[in-house]
C-alpha atoms as a PDB file:
ATOM      1  CA  MET A   1      10.310  -8.476-146.184  1.00  0.00           C
ATOM      2  CA  GLY A   2      13.872  -9.631-145.586  1.00  0.00           C
ATOM      3  CA  VAL A   3      17.157  -7.835-145.803  1.00  0.00           C
ATOM      4  CA  ASN A   4      19.241  -8.004-148.946  1.00  0.00           C
ATOM      5  CA  PRO A   5      21.842 -10.774-148.396  1.00  0.00           C
ATOM      6  CA  PHE A   6      24.680  -8.559-149.611  1.00  0.00           C
ATOM      7  CA  VAL A   7      23.715  -5.814-147.168  1.00  0.00           C
ATOM      8  CA  TRP A   8      23.560  -8.409-144.402  1.00  0.00           C
ATOM      9  CA  LEU A   9      27.027  -9.690-145.356  1.00  0.00           C
ATOM     10  CA  VAL A  10      28.536  -6.186-145.355  1.00  0.00           C
ATOM     11  CA  VAL A  11      26.976  -5.422-141.969  1.00  0.00           C
ATOM     12  CA  GLN A  12      28.333  -8.690-140.564  1.00  0.00           C
ATOM     13  CA  LEU A  13      31.823  -7.931-141.900  1.00  0.00           C
ATOM     14  CA  ILE A  14      31.708  -4.506-140.255  1.00  0.00           C
ATOM     15  CA  ASP A  15      30.679  -6.215-137.001  1.00  0.00           C
ATOM     16  CA  LEU A  16      33.657  -8.565-137.337  1.00  0.00           C
ATOM     17  CA  VAL A  17      36.070  -5.658-137.804  1.00  0.00           C
ATOM     18  CA  LEU A  18      34.509  -3.868-134.816  1.00  0.00           C
ATOM     19  CA  LEU A  19      35.037  -6.993-132.721  1.00  0.00           C
ATOM     20  CA  ALA A  20      38.668  -7.195-133.855  1.00  0.00           C
ATOM     21  CA  VAL A  21      39.232  -3.534-132.909  1.00  0.00           C
ATOM     22  CA  PHE A  22      37.727  -4.136-129.476  1.00  0.00           C
ATOM     23  CA  VAL A  23      39.800  -7.290-128.871  1.00  0.00           C
ATOM     24  CA  SER A  24      42.938  -5.469-130.004  1.00  0.00           C
ATOM     25  CA  PHE A  25      42.202  -2.590-127.629  1.00  0.00           C
ATOM     26  CA  VAL A  26      41.548  -4.859-124.635  1.00  0.00           C
ATOM     27  CA  LEU A  27      44.589  -7.023-125.387  1.00  0.00           C
ATOM     28  CA  SER A  28      46.853  -3.989-125.630  1.00  0.00           C
ATOM     29  CA  LEU A  29      45.559  -2.702-122.277  1.00  0.00           C
ATOM     30  CA  LEU A  30      46.116  -6.083-120.649  1.00  0.00           C
ATOM     31  CA  MET A  31      49.657  -6.208-122.018  1.00  0.00           C
ATOM     32  CA  GLN A  32      50.406  -2.618-120.940  1.00  0.00           C
ATOM     33  CA  PHE A  33      49.355  -3.300-117.359  1.00  0.00           C
ATOM     34  CA  GLY A  34      51.252  -6.596-117.221  1.00  0.00           C
ATOM     35  CA  ILE A  35      48.154  -8.723-116.730  1.00  0.00           C
ATOM     36  CA  VAL A  36      48.915 -10.725-119.862  1.00  0.00           C
ATOM     37  CA  ASN A  37      52.443 -11.739-120.806  1.00  0.00           C
ATOM     38  CA  ARG A  38      53.099 -10.274-124.252  1.00  0.00           C
ATOM     39  CA  TYR A  39      55.799 -12.907-124.882  1.00  0.00           C
ATOM     40  CA  HIS A  40      53.454 -15.868-124.436  1.00  0.00           C
ATOM     41  CA  PRO A  41      53.228 -17.610-127.837  1.00  0.00           C
ATOM     42  CA  LEU A  42      49.420 -17.505-128.064  1.00  0.00           C
ATOM     43  CA  VAL A  43      49.169 -13.867-126.992  1.00  0.00           C
ATOM     44  CA  SER A  44      51.977 -12.912-129.352  1.00  0.00           C
ATOM     45  CA  ARG A  45      50.314 -14.724-132.249  1.00  0.00           C
ATOM     46  CA  ILE A  46      46.915 -13.125-131.613  1.00  0.00           C
ATOM     47  CA  ASN A  47      48.500  -9.693-131.286  1.00  0.00           C
ATOM     48  CA  ASN A  48      50.458 -10.151-134.540  1.00  0.00           C
ATOM     49  CA  VAL A  49      47.340 -11.223-136.459  1.00  0.00           C
ATOM     50  CA  LEU A  50      45.316  -8.304-135.117  1.00  0.00           C
ATOM     51  CA  ASP A  51      48.139  -5.876-135.934  1.00  0.00           C
ATOM     52  CA  ARG A  52      48.399  -7.170-139.501  1.00  0.00           C
ATOM     53  CA  VAL A  53      44.660  -6.913-140.043  1.00  0.00           C
ATOM     54  CA  LEU A  54      44.007  -3.592-138.323  1.00  0.00           C
ATOM     55  CA  ASP A  55      47.228  -1.647-138.913  1.00  0.00           C
ATOM     56  CA  PRO A  56      46.297  -0.604-142.488  1.00  0.00           C
ATOM     57  CA  ILE A  57      43.077   0.904-141.141  1.00  0.00           C
ATOM     58  CA  PHE A  58      44.709   2.521-138.118  1.00  0.00           C
ATOM     59  CA  SER A  59      47.630   3.920-140.119  1.00  0.00           C
ATOM     60  CA  ARG A  60      45.275   5.858-142.409  1.00  0.00           C
ATOM     61  CA  VAL A  61      43.532   7.382-139.414  1.00  0.00           C
ATOM     62  CA  ARG A  62      46.879   8.116-137.738  1.00  0.00           C
ATOM     63  CA  GLY A  63      47.894   9.996-140.882  1.00  0.00           C
ATOM     64  CA  LEU A  64      44.894  12.290-140.449  1.00  0.00           C
ATOM     65  CA  ILE A  65      44.901  12.595-136.662  1.00  0.00           C
ATOM     66  CA  PRO A  66      48.209  12.020-134.866  1.00  0.00           C
ATOM     67  CA  ALA A  67      48.493  10.848-131.271  1.00  0.00           C
ATOM     68  CA  ILE A  68      47.647  13.552-128.751  1.00  0.00           C
ATOM     69  CA  ALA A  69      49.788  13.582-125.585  1.00  0.00           C
ATOM     70  CA  GLY A  70      50.954  10.059-126.405  1.00  0.00           C
ATOM     71  CA  ILE A  71      47.409   8.690-126.656  1.00  0.00           C
ATOM     72  CA  ASP A  72      46.424   7.046-129.928  1.00  0.00           C
ATOM     73  CA  PHE A  73      42.788   7.803-130.712  1.00  0.00           C
ATOM     74  CA  SER A  74      42.727   5.882-133.999  1.00  0.00           C
ATOM     75  CA  PRO A  75      40.824   2.838-132.605  1.00  0.00           C
ATOM     76  CA  LEU A  76      38.123   5.118-131.217  1.00  0.00           C
ATOM     77  CA  ILE A  77      37.801   6.999-134.499  1.00  0.00           C
ATOM     78  CA  VAL A  78      37.685   3.716-136.448  1.00  0.00           C
ATOM     79  CA  ILE A  79      34.922   2.424-134.161  1.00  0.00           C
ATOM     80  CA  PHE A  80      32.862   5.596-134.629  1.00  0.00           C
ATOM     81  CA  GLY A  81      33.427   5.546-138.382  1.00  0.00           C
ATOM     82  CA  LEU A  82      32.492   1.890-138.778  1.00  0.00           C
ATOM     83  CA  GLN A  83      29.372   2.260-136.649  1.00  0.00           C
ATOM     84  CA  PHE A  84      28.322   5.312-138.661  1.00  0.00           C
ATOM     85  CA  LEU A  85      28.904   3.397-141.909  1.00  0.00           C
ATOM     86  CA  GLN A  86      26.977   0.402-140.622  1.00  0.00           C
ATOM     87  CA  ARG A  87      23.984   2.487-139.546  1.00  0.00           C
ATOM     88  CA  ALA A  88      24.013   4.441-142.814  1.00  0.00           C
ATOM     89  CA  ILE A  89      23.995   1.202-144.812  1.00  0.00           C
ATOM     90  CA  ILE A  90      21.110  -0.169-142.779  1.00  0.00           C
ATOM     91  CA  PHE A  91      19.127   3.082-142.958  1.00  0.00           C
ATOM     92  CA  TYR A  92      19.589   3.881-146.646  1.00  0.00           C
ATOM     93  CA  ILE A  93      19.945   0.476-148.279  1.00  0.00           C
ATOM     94  CA  ALA A  94      18.229  -2.138-146.119  1.00  0.00           C
END
């Protein structure tokens, strides 16, 4: 028996958002350590797109849990939340 196509689509969209969060995290680390030039047009464009897509999600989490000692934990919380949601969807619906 196959998986409902709508459940599959939702799970794939969650995977896409998780990938975007991971790429955003790695890119920000590379820019912070000076490995990647933040002013390069391609890097700047990718960073702007990721910020526009992910900032609404991160800002809601930042409203609940502020940065602790200058460290923003919102990407980590978003990853845990999305993985929990994904596993709950698969367990209860699929």
